[in-house]
Amino acid sequence: MALRFLNDNRGIESTEVALIIAVVVLVAYGAYRLLGQNIAAIVTDIAGKI
C-alpha cells in the first residue's frame, strides 16, 4: 500500500501544470501592466477605423 502511494506521480504532474499556469498568468499580467495603455490605444484606433 505504501509503495503504491510513493510510486503515484499524478500529484507531481498536476503540481507542475499548476506551476506552469501560474507563471503564464504572471507573465501575461506583467505584460498587460507594462503595455496596457498602448494596447488600449491600439484597440481604440482599430475600433475607430471599423
N, C-alpha and C. Protein backbone atom coordinates (compact mmCIF):
# COMPACT_ATOMS: atom_id res chain seq x y z
N MET A 1 0.83 -1.19 0.00
CA MET A 1 0.00 0.00 0.00
C MET A 1 0.88 1.26 0.00
N ALA A 2 1.89 1.30 0.86
CA ALA A 2 2.75 2.47 0.95
C ALA A 2 3.58 2.63 -0.32
N LEU A 3 4.04 1.53 -0.90
CA LEU A 3 4.83 1.62 -2.12
C LEU A 3 3.98 2.14 -3.27
N ARG A 4 2.73 1.74 -3.30
CA ARG A 4 1.83 2.21 -4.35
C ARG A 4 1.65 3.73 -4.23
N PHE A 5 1.52 4.22 -3.00
CA PHE A 5 1.38 5.65 -2.77
C PHE A 5 2.64 6.41 -3.19
N LEU A 6 3.80 5.87 -2.88
CA LEU A 6 5.06 6.53 -3.21
C LEU A 6 5.33 6.54 -4.71
N ASN A 7 4.82 5.55 -5.42
CA ASN A 7 5.05 5.46 -6.86
C ASN A 7 4.03 6.25 -7.67
N ASP A 8 3.03 6.83 -7.02
CA ASP A 8 1.99 7.58 -7.71
C ASP A 8 2.54 8.96 -8.09
N ASN A 9 2.62 9.26 -9.39
CA ASN A 9 3.18 10.52 -9.88
C ASN A 9 2.13 11.53 -10.28
N ARG A 10 0.87 11.23 -10.10
CA ARG A 10 -0.19 12.16 -10.54
C ARG A 10 -0.12 13.49 -9.81
N GLY A 11 0.19 13.48 -8.54
CA GLY A 11 0.29 14.72 -7.78
C GLY A 11 1.40 15.60 -8.28
N ILE A 12 2.51 15.00 -8.65
CA ILE A 12 3.65 15.76 -9.17
C ILE A 12 3.28 16.40 -10.50
N GLU A 13 2.62 15.64 -11.37
CA GLU A 13 2.25 16.17 -12.67
C GLU A 13 1.27 17.33 -12.55
N SER A 14 0.28 17.21 -11.67
CA SER A 14 -0.69 18.29 -11.53
C SER A 14 -0.04 19.52 -10.90
N THR A 15 0.92 19.32 -10.02
CA THR A 15 1.63 20.45 -9.43
C THR A 15 2.45 21.18 -10.49
N GLU A 16 3.08 20.43 -11.37
CA GLU A 16 3.86 21.05 -12.44
C GLU A 16 2.97 21.86 -13.36
N VAL A 17 1.81 21.31 -13.70
CA VAL A 17 0.87 22.02 -14.57
C VAL A 17 0.39 23.29 -13.89
N ALA A 18 0.08 23.21 -12.61
CA ALA A 18 -0.38 24.39 -11.87
C ALA A 18 0.71 25.45 -11.82
N LEU A 19 1.94 25.04 -11.68
CA LEU A 19 3.06 25.98 -11.64
C LEU A 19 3.25 26.66 -12.99
N ILE A 20 3.14 25.91 -14.06
CA ILE A 20 3.27 26.48 -15.40
C ILE A 20 2.14 27.47 -15.66
N ILE A 21 0.93 27.13 -15.28
CA ILE A 21 -0.21 28.04 -15.47
C ILE A 21 0.01 29.32 -14.67
N ALA A 22 0.51 29.19 -13.44
CA ALA A 22 0.76 30.37 -12.61
C ALA A 22 1.81 31.27 -13.25
N VAL A 23 2.85 30.70 -13.81
CA VAL A 23 3.89 31.50 -14.46
C VAL A 23 3.34 32.22 -15.68
N VAL A 24 2.53 31.52 -16.48
CA VAL A 24 1.94 32.13 -17.68
C VAL A 24 1.03 33.29 -17.28
N VAL A 25 0.24 33.10 -16.22
CA VAL A 25 -0.66 34.17 -15.76
C VAL A 25 0.15 35.37 -15.28
N LEU A 26 1.22 35.13 -14.54
CA LEU A 26 2.05 36.24 -14.06
C LEU A 26 2.72 37.00 -15.21
N VAL A 27 3.20 36.28 -16.20
CA VAL A 27 3.83 36.92 -17.36
C VAL A 27 2.79 37.73 -18.14
N ALA A 28 1.60 37.17 -18.33
CA ALA A 28 0.55 37.89 -19.05
C ALA A 28 0.14 39.14 -18.28
N TYR A 29 0.02 39.03 -16.97
CA TYR A 29 -0.35 40.20 -16.16
C TYR A 29 0.74 41.27 -16.21
N GLY A 30 1.98 40.85 -16.14
CA GLY A 30 3.08 41.80 -16.23
C GLY A 30 3.11 42.51 -17.58
N ALA A 31 2.87 41.77 -18.65
CA ALA A 31 2.83 42.37 -19.98
C ALA A 31 1.67 43.34 -20.09
N TYR A 32 0.54 42.98 -19.51
CA TYR A 32 -0.61 43.87 -19.54
C TYR A 32 -0.32 45.16 -18.76
N ARG A 33 0.33 45.03 -17.61
CA ARG A 33 0.65 46.21 -16.81
C ARG A 33 1.64 47.12 -17.56
N LEU A 34 2.60 46.51 -18.26
CA LEU A 34 3.59 47.31 -18.98
C LEU A 34 3.02 47.93 -20.26
N LEU A 35 2.17 47.17 -20.94
CA LEU A 35 1.70 47.59 -22.26
C LEU A 35 0.22 47.97 -22.26
N GLY A 36 -0.39 48.06 -21.11
CA GLY A 36 -1.83 48.29 -21.02
C GLY A 36 -2.31 49.53 -21.75
N GLN A 37 -1.63 50.63 -21.56
CA GLN A 37 -2.04 51.87 -22.22
C GLN A 37 -1.87 51.77 -23.73
N ASN A 38 -0.79 51.17 -24.16
CA ASN A 38 -0.55 51.01 -25.60
C ASN A 38 -1.59 50.10 -26.23
N ILE A 39 -1.92 49.02 -25.53
CA ILE A 39 -2.93 48.09 -26.05
C ILE A 39 -4.28 48.79 -26.14
N ALA A 40 -4.64 49.56 -25.12
CA ALA A 40 -5.91 50.29 -25.13
C ALA A 40 -5.94 51.27 -26.30
N ALA A 41 -4.84 51.95 -26.56
CA ALA A 41 -4.79 52.90 -27.67
C ALA A 41 -4.92 52.19 -29.01
N ILE A 42 -4.29 51.06 -29.15
CA ILE A 42 -4.37 50.30 -30.41
C ILE A 42 -5.79 49.80 -30.64
N VAL A 43 -6.42 49.28 -29.59
CA VAL A 43 -7.79 48.78 -29.72
C VAL A 43 -8.73 49.93 -30.08
N THR A 44 -8.55 51.08 -29.44
CA THR A 44 -9.39 52.25 -29.74
C THR A 44 -9.17 52.71 -31.19
N ASP A 45 -7.93 52.70 -31.63
CA ASP A 45 -7.62 53.09 -33.00
C ASP A 45 -8.28 52.15 -34.00
N ILE A 46 -8.18 50.85 -33.76
CA ILE A 46 -8.78 49.87 -34.66
C ILE A 46 -10.30 50.00 -34.65
N ALA A 47 -10.87 50.21 -33.47
CA ALA A 47 -12.33 50.37 -33.37
C ALA A 47 -12.79 51.61 -34.12
N GLY A 48 -11.98 52.66 -34.11
CA GLY A 48 -12.33 53.88 -34.84
C GLY A 48 -12.29 53.69 -36.35
N LYS A 49 -11.42 52.80 -36.81
CA LYS A 49 -11.29 52.55 -38.25
C LYS A 49 -12.39 51.63 -38.77
N ILE A 50 -12.99 50.88 -37.87
CA ILE A 50 -14.06 49.95 -38.28
C ILE A 50 -15.31 50.72 -38.37
